[in-house]
Protein backbone atom coordinates (compact mmCIF):
# COMPACT_ATOMS: atom_id res chain seq x y z
CA MET A 1 -13.79 28.16 -65.15
CA THR A 2 -13.24 24.89 -63.27
CA SER A 3 -9.74 23.88 -62.19
CA PRO A 4 -9.45 20.09 -61.71
CA THR A 5 -8.04 18.88 -58.41
CA PRO A 6 -4.26 18.26 -58.66
CA PRO A 7 -3.70 14.50 -58.40
CA ALA A 8 -0.85 14.42 -55.90
CA ALA A 9 -1.36 14.28 -52.16
CA SER A 10 1.19 17.04 -51.63
CA ARG A 11 0.27 20.11 -53.64
CA PRO A 12 3.12 21.73 -55.60
CA ALA A 13 3.96 25.37 -55.14
CA PRO A 14 2.30 27.75 -57.62
CA VAL A 15 3.91 27.56 -61.05
CA PRO A 16 5.89 30.73 -61.84
CA ASP A 17 5.25 32.83 -64.93
CA LEU A 18 6.78 31.03 -67.91
CA PRO A 19 8.29 32.21 -71.19
CA LEU A 20 5.67 32.42 -73.94
CA SER A 21 5.79 31.75 -77.68
CA VAL A 22 3.23 31.29 -80.48
CA TRP A 23 3.71 28.39 -82.88
CA VAL A 24 2.18 28.89 -86.32
CA THR A 25 1.17 25.27 -86.92
CA ALA A 26 -2.07 25.40 -88.95
CA GLN A 27 -1.23 27.24 -92.16
CA GLN A 28 -2.41 24.00 -93.77
CA ASP A 29 -5.43 22.17 -92.42
CA ALA A 30 -4.99 18.81 -90.71
CA ARG A 31 -6.12 16.78 -93.72
CA THR A 32 -3.56 18.49 -95.97
CA GLN A 33 -0.78 18.00 -93.43
CA ARG A 34 -1.43 14.25 -93.31
CA ARG A 35 -2.20 13.62 -96.99
CA GLY A 36 0.30 11.13 -98.41
CA ARG A 37 2.43 11.27 -95.26
CA TYR A 38 0.08 9.05 -93.23
CA LEU A 39 -1.97 6.03 -94.27
CA PRO A 40 -5.68 6.68 -94.97
CA GLU A 41 -6.83 4.55 -92.03
CA SER A 42 -5.16 7.08 -89.70
CA THR A 43 -8.17 9.37 -90.07
CA ALA A 44 -10.24 7.04 -87.84
CA HIS A 45 -8.39 8.11 -84.68
CA PRO A 46 -10.61 10.64 -82.87
CA ALA A 47 -7.90 12.90 -81.38
CA LYS A 48 -4.82 13.06 -83.58
CA MET A 49 -2.07 15.54 -82.80
CA LEU A 50 -1.50 18.03 -85.60
CA PRO A 51 1.70 16.90 -87.40
CA ALA A 52 3.08 20.45 -87.48
CA ILE A 53 2.89 20.66 -83.67
CA ALA A 54 4.95 17.50 -83.23
CA ALA A 55 7.40 18.58 -85.95
CA THR A 56 7.84 22.03 -84.38
CA ALA A 57 8.62 20.57 -80.95
CA ILE A 58 11.07 18.03 -82.39
CA THR A 59 12.85 20.63 -84.54
CA ARG A 60 13.13 23.15 -81.69
CA TYR A 61 14.22 20.85 -78.90
CA THR A 62 16.26 18.00 -80.43
CA ARG A 63 19.06 17.29 -82.88
CA PRO A 64 19.39 14.56 -85.52
CA GLY A 65 20.15 11.25 -83.88
CA ASP A 66 18.28 12.09 -80.65
CA LEU A 67 15.59 9.81 -79.26
CA VAL A 68 12.01 11.16 -79.15
CA ALA A 69 9.25 9.37 -77.22
CA ASP A 70 5.47 9.44 -76.97
CA PRO A 71 3.90 7.35 -74.16
CA MET A 72 0.40 7.67 -75.69
CA CYS A 73 1.35 7.61 -79.35
CA GLY A 74 -2.01 6.88 -81.01
CA ILE A 75 -1.44 6.55 -84.76
CA GLY A 76 2.21 7.54 -84.31
CA THR A 77 2.24 11.23 -85.26
CA THR A 78 5.18 12.05 -82.96
CA LEU A 79 7.13 9.02 -84.20
CA VAL A 80 6.46 9.68 -87.89
CA GLU A 81 7.57 13.30 -87.64
CA ALA A 82 10.64 12.23 -85.65
CA VAL A 83 11.87 9.71 -88.22
CA HIS A 84 11.27 12.18 -91.07
CA LEU A 85 13.52 14.63 -89.18
CA GLY A 86 16.33 12.10 -88.69
CA ARG A 87 15.52 11.32 -85.06
CA ASP A 88 14.71 7.94 -83.56
CA GLY A 89 11.42 7.27 -81.81
CA ILE A 90 9.76 5.02 -79.29
CA GLY A 91 6.04 5.01 -78.54
CA VAL A 92 3.59 3.21 -76.28
CA GLU A 93 -0.04 2.71 -77.22
CA PHE A 94 -2.77 1.03 -75.17
CA GLU A 95 -5.02 0.00 -78.07
CA ASP A 96 -4.06 -2.72 -80.58
CA ARG A 97 -5.86 -0.91 -83.40
CA TRP A 98 -3.92 2.34 -83.08
CA ALA A 99 -0.61 0.59 -82.36
CA LYS A 100 -0.88 -1.36 -85.62
CA ILE A 101 -1.63 1.83 -87.55
CA ALA A 102 1.27 3.64 -85.85
CA ALA A 103 3.68 0.88 -86.85
CA ALA A 104 2.34 0.93 -90.41
CA ASN A 105 2.76 4.71 -90.56
CA ILE A 106 6.40 4.37 -89.49
CA THR A 107 6.99 1.79 -92.23
CA HIS A 108 5.30 4.15 -94.69
CA ALA A 109 7.60 6.99 -93.60
CA ARG A 110 10.69 4.81 -94.08
CA ARG A 111 9.54 3.91 -97.58
CA GLN A 112 9.31 7.63 -98.28
CA GLY A 113 12.96 8.06 -97.29
CA ALA A 114 12.79 8.90 -93.58
CA SER A 115 16.20 8.20 -92.04
CA GLY A 116 15.23 7.67 -88.41
CA THR A 117 13.93 4.46 -86.85
CA ALA A 118 11.09 3.94 -84.41
CA GLU A 119 9.22 1.22 -82.58
CA VAL A 120 5.80 0.90 -81.01
CA ILE A 121 5.10 -0.98 -77.78
CA ARG A 122 1.56 -2.16 -77.03
CA GLY A 123 0.98 -1.54 -73.36
CA ASP A 124 -0.30 0.71 -70.59
CA ALA A 125 1.92 3.78 -70.26
CA ARG A 126 1.05 3.99 -66.57
CA GLN A 127 3.57 1.15 -66.26
CA LEU A 128 6.07 2.84 -68.60
CA PRO A 129 9.35 1.85 -66.86
CA ALA A 130 8.38 -1.84 -67.02
CA LEU A 131 7.65 -1.60 -70.75
CA LEU A 132 10.94 -0.04 -71.83
CA PRO A 133 13.46 -2.17 -73.74
CA PRO A 134 16.78 -2.80 -71.98
CA GLY A 135 19.11 0.17 -72.18
CA MET A 136 16.35 2.65 -73.08
CA ALA A 137 16.05 4.37 -69.68
CA GLY A 138 17.74 7.74 -69.52
CA ARG A 139 18.14 8.10 -73.29
CA ALA A 140 15.25 10.24 -74.54
CA ALA A 141 15.96 13.87 -75.35
CA LEU A 142 12.28 14.70 -75.72
CA VAL A 143 8.83 13.37 -74.88
CA VAL A 144 5.94 14.77 -76.95
CA THR A 145 2.41 13.74 -76.02
CA SER A 146 -1.13 14.92 -75.30
CA LEU A 147 -3.85 13.92 -72.89
CA PRO A 148 -6.84 11.91 -74.07
CA TYR A 149 -9.84 14.20 -74.39
CA GLY A 150 -12.39 11.58 -73.37
CA PRO A 151 -16.03 12.68 -73.70
CA SER A 152 -15.10 15.98 -75.36
CA LEU A 153 -14.11 14.19 -78.58
CA HIS A 154 -15.94 15.10 -81.75
CA GLY A 155 -14.77 12.46 -84.24
CA GLN A 156 -16.10 12.43 -87.78
CA VAL A 157 -19.50 13.40 -89.11
CA ARG A 158 -21.65 12.55 -92.15
CA ALA A 159 -25.12 13.54 -93.25
CA GLU A 160 -27.86 11.01 -92.62
CA GLN A 161 -29.90 10.00 -95.65
CA ARG A 162 -33.60 9.83 -94.91
CA SER A 163 -36.78 11.15 -96.40
CA GLY A 164 -37.82 14.61 -95.32
CA GLY A 165 -34.25 15.58 -94.54
CA GLY A 166 -31.91 14.15 -91.95
CA GLY A 167 -29.51 15.11 -89.26
CA VAL A 168 -25.90 14.11 -88.96
CA GLU A 169 -24.29 10.87 -87.88
CA LYS A 170 -21.25 10.91 -85.61
CA TYR A 171 -18.62 8.17 -86.01
CA ASP A 172 -14.99 7.42 -85.13
CA ASN A 173 -15.56 9.38 -81.93
CA ARG A 174 -14.14 6.90 -79.40
CA TYR A 175 -10.62 5.70 -78.65
CA SER A 176 -12.04 2.25 -77.87
CA HIS A 177 -14.71 0.47 -75.84
CA ASP A 178 -12.23 -0.72 -73.20
CA PRO A 179 -13.15 0.85 -69.83
CA ALA A 180 -9.52 0.49 -68.71
CA ASN A 181 -8.47 3.05 -71.33
CA LEU A 182 -7.51 6.27 -69.58
CA ALA A 183 -9.72 8.20 -72.01
CA HIS A 184 -12.82 6.60 -70.51
CA ARG A 185 -12.07 7.48 -66.90
CA GLY A 186 -13.41 10.48 -65.02
CA LEU A 187 -11.40 13.67 -65.06
CA ASP A 188 -9.70 13.19 -61.70
CA ASP A 189 -8.83 9.54 -62.47
CA MET A 190 -7.50 10.56 -65.88
CA LEU A 191 -5.24 13.19 -64.32
CA ALA A 192 -4.02 10.72 -61.70
CA GLY A 193 -3.16 8.25 -64.48
CA PHE A 194 -1.43 10.95 -66.50
CA THR A 195 0.63 11.86 -63.43
CA GLN A 196 1.79 8.22 -63.29
CA ILE A 197 2.78 8.50 -66.96
CA LEU A 198 4.78 11.66 -66.31
CA THR A 199 6.58 9.85 -63.48
CA GLY A 200 7.55 7.14 -65.97
CA CYS A 201 8.73 9.75 -68.45
CA LYS A 202 11.33 10.87 -65.91
CA THR A 203 12.81 7.36 -66.13
CA LEU A 204 12.93 7.56 -69.92
CA LEU A 205 14.41 11.07 -70.18
CA ARG A 206 18.09 11.88 -70.12
CA PRO A 207 19.15 14.53 -67.57
CA GLY A 208 17.83 17.90 -68.69
CA GLY A 209 15.55 16.30 -71.32
CA LEU A 210 12.23 17.91 -72.13
CA VAL A 211 8.57 16.91 -71.94
CA VAL A 212 6.13 18.71 -74.27
CA VAL A 213 2.44 18.22 -73.48
CA THR A 214 -0.36 19.69 -75.57
CA ALA A 215 -3.67 20.40 -73.85
CA ARG A 216 -6.60 22.72 -74.22
CA PRO A 217 -9.57 23.64 -72.06
CA TRP A 218 -12.77 21.71 -72.63
CA ARG A 219 -16.33 22.20 -71.56
CA ARG A 220 -18.06 19.89 -69.09
CA ARG A 221 -21.77 20.54 -68.64
CA GLY A 222 -21.19 23.98 -70.16
CA GLU A 223 -18.39 24.97 -67.78
CA LEU A 224 -14.85 25.48 -69.05
CA VAL A 225 -12.32 23.09 -67.45
CA ASP A 226 -8.79 24.47 -67.14
CA LEU A 227 -6.96 21.33 -68.23
CA PRO A 228 -3.62 23.09 -69.02
CA ALA A 229 -3.35 24.34 -65.43
CA ALA A 230 -3.96 20.79 -64.17
CA VAL A 231 -1.20 19.46 -66.44
CA LEU A 232 1.24 22.05 -65.10
CA ALA A 233 0.38 21.02 -61.54
CA ALA A 234 0.78 17.31 -62.40
CA GLY A 235 4.20 17.83 -63.96
CA ALA A 236 5.46 19.91 -61.05
CA SER A 237 4.14 17.33 -58.56
CA VAL A 238 6.43 14.60 -59.96
CA GLY A 239 9.55 16.77 -60.01
CA LEU A 240 9.51 18.00 -63.61
CA ILE A 241 10.54 21.64 -63.89
CA PRO A 242 8.11 23.91 -65.80
CA ALA A 243 10.20 25.62 -68.50
CA ALA A 244 7.82 27.35 -70.94
CA ARG A 245 4.17 27.70 -71.91
CA CYS A 246 3.51 28.20 -75.62
CA VAL A 247 0.51 28.42 -77.90
CA ALA A 248 0.17 26.20 -80.99
CA LEU A 249 -2.37 27.68 -83.36
CA LEU A 250 -5.15 25.47 -84.71
CA ALA A 251 -6.17 28.33 -87.00
CA GLY A 252 -4.37 29.65 -90.06
CA LEU A 253 -2.89 33.15 -90.27
CA ARG A 254 -3.79 35.26 -93.29
CA GLY A 255 -2.80 38.92 -93.38
CA GLY A 256 -2.79 39.18 -89.60
CA ARG A 257 -6.20 37.49 -89.24
CA LEU A 258 -6.96 34.09 -87.74
CA ILE A 259 -8.70 31.63 -90.08
CA PRO A 260 -10.45 29.10 -87.79
CA ARG A 261 -10.62 25.44 -88.81
CA PRO A 262 -13.34 24.14 -86.44
CA SER A 263 -14.96 20.73 -86.58
CA PHE A 264 -18.67 20.53 -87.34
CA PHE A 265 -19.48 19.88 -83.69
CA GLN A 266 -17.27 22.68 -82.37
CA LEU A 267 -19.07 25.14 -84.62
CA ASP A 268 -22.48 23.67 -83.83
CA ASN A 269 -21.91 23.82 -80.06
CA VAL A 270 -20.79 27.46 -80.20
CA ARG A 271 -23.80 28.46 -82.33
CA LYS A 272 -26.22 26.73 -79.96
CA ALA A 273 -24.62 28.40 -76.93
CA ARG A 274 -24.88 31.83 -78.52
CA ARG A 275 -28.55 31.24 -79.28
CA ARG A 276 -28.97 30.61 -75.55
CA GLY A 277 -27.26 33.93 -74.86
CA GLU A 278 -23.98 32.36 -73.69
CA PRO A 279 -20.88 34.11 -75.14
CA TRP A 280 -18.92 31.01 -76.21
CA HIS A 281 -16.01 31.32 -78.62
CA LEU A 282 -14.17 28.78 -80.74
CA ILE A 283 -10.94 27.50 -79.19
CA VAL A 284 -8.32 27.91 -81.91
CA HIS A 285 -5.15 26.90 -80.11
CA GLU A 286 -3.53 24.20 -78.02
CA ASP A 287 -1.55 25.09 -74.92
CA VAL A 288 1.97 23.66 -75.26
CA LEU A 289 3.35 22.98 -71.79
CA ILE A 290 7.08 22.35 -71.60
CA PHE A 291 8.86 20.73 -68.68
CA ARG A 292 12.53 19.97 -68.11
CA ALA A 293 13.88 16.91 -66.32
CA PRO A 294 16.28 17.66 -63.47
CA PRO A 295 19.91 17.98 -64.59
CA ALA A 296 22.44 15.22 -64.03
CA ALA A 297 23.98 14.94 -60.61
CA ALA A 298 27.58 16.12 -60.35
CA GLY A 299 29.95 13.61 -61.92
CA MET A 300 27.23 11.74 -63.81
CA ALA A 301 27.77 11.58 -67.57
CA GLU A 302 24.86 12.01 -69.99
CA PRO A 303 24.05 9.07 -72.30
CA ALA A 304 25.71 9.39 -75.70
CA ARG A 305 23.59 10.41 -78.66
CA ARG A 306 23.40 8.27 -81.77
CA GLN A 307 25.29 10.22 -84.41
CA PRO A 308 24.00 10.05 -87.99
CA GLU A 309 26.53 8.43 -90.31
CA PRO A 310 26.80 10.26 -93.66
CA GLY A 311 26.43 7.97 -96.63
CA ARG A 312 25.38 4.97 -94.58
CA ARG A 313 22.25 3.19 -95.67
CA PRO A 314 19.39 3.62 -93.16
CA ARG A 315 18.77 0.75 -90.75
CA PRO A 316 15.69 -1.45 -91.24
CA PRO A 317 12.58 0.08 -89.69
CA LEU A 318 11.58 -1.08 -86.21
CA ALA A 319 7.94 -0.93 -87.17
CA ARG A 320 6.43 -4.36 -87.76
CA TRP A 321 3.57 -4.79 -85.30
CA LEU A 322 3.03 -8.14 -83.62
CA PRO A 323 -0.51 -8.14 -82.14
CA SER A 324 -0.19 -10.05 -78.90
CA ARG A 325 -0.09 -9.43 -75.19
CA PRO A 326 0.43 -5.97 -73.67
CA GLY A 327 4.10 -5.04 -73.58
CA GLN A 328 5.06 -6.82 -76.82
CA ARG A 329 7.05 -4.62 -79.13
CA ALA A 330 7.28 -4.01 -82.79
CA ALA A 331 10.29 -5.83 -84.19
């Protein structure tokens, strides 16, 4: 297994053994979890977080009225689950297409009765502190995000129609065609960019706030890359404190057995490897890596939480997307 080079010049000390927990997050498949809760165009995103993973993190680590953030929010899964759970949300997304869908998904959630509010900022999360609205620094109780999986994406698949039988056509398997997108950079550059994002998250978090990052190993030229270990090293290098390492299942549990839910290409790749005599197995979990921001210095008060007001009508959604220059917010 390959371990990517930690991005910081000064290498952090080895991460200690962390508390473990298994999250049962795939009793329903991804399509069922999103049906009706997200707009149909959301399916085009090639690497969506499983809604149950975001919801589990938000439920475990925040309270109603807290602020939840996602610096690479994609179609807004973290934000949608936050507002449904009575939390507020703020997200950053590099691509116009996904930012518009994220904002539309938030509006959709509000129409379904979600009591929280959220906004989406179009921009590069590597410059996160510069993108934050005034007064937002130091407020977030929780950041939930995942790394872009770049060339390991599988996307969607459909059968080709041609005489004599056909193969399969792959589509919706790219974040974008913009080479500046972190997903299209090499592994070391991607990790360096993600380390910048984690540095910005420290600005956004309140003292003692948490960062939850999902990651899983991927294969590069047949060799398994230990991406979770690289994420742990990146977080420690910017001063975040590793707090726990959990497993979020991507397979269902039935009578003590795992029920895998692989994509076509995951299954195809494993079958081809086994025909070559290589003992590959399906990956049926995400590593959930949890960091804590340093506590407040002595005498420093924590920012006040927004308290839900019983009986008060929800505020208008902060979810209308204005497609313009990077850094413009939903309003």
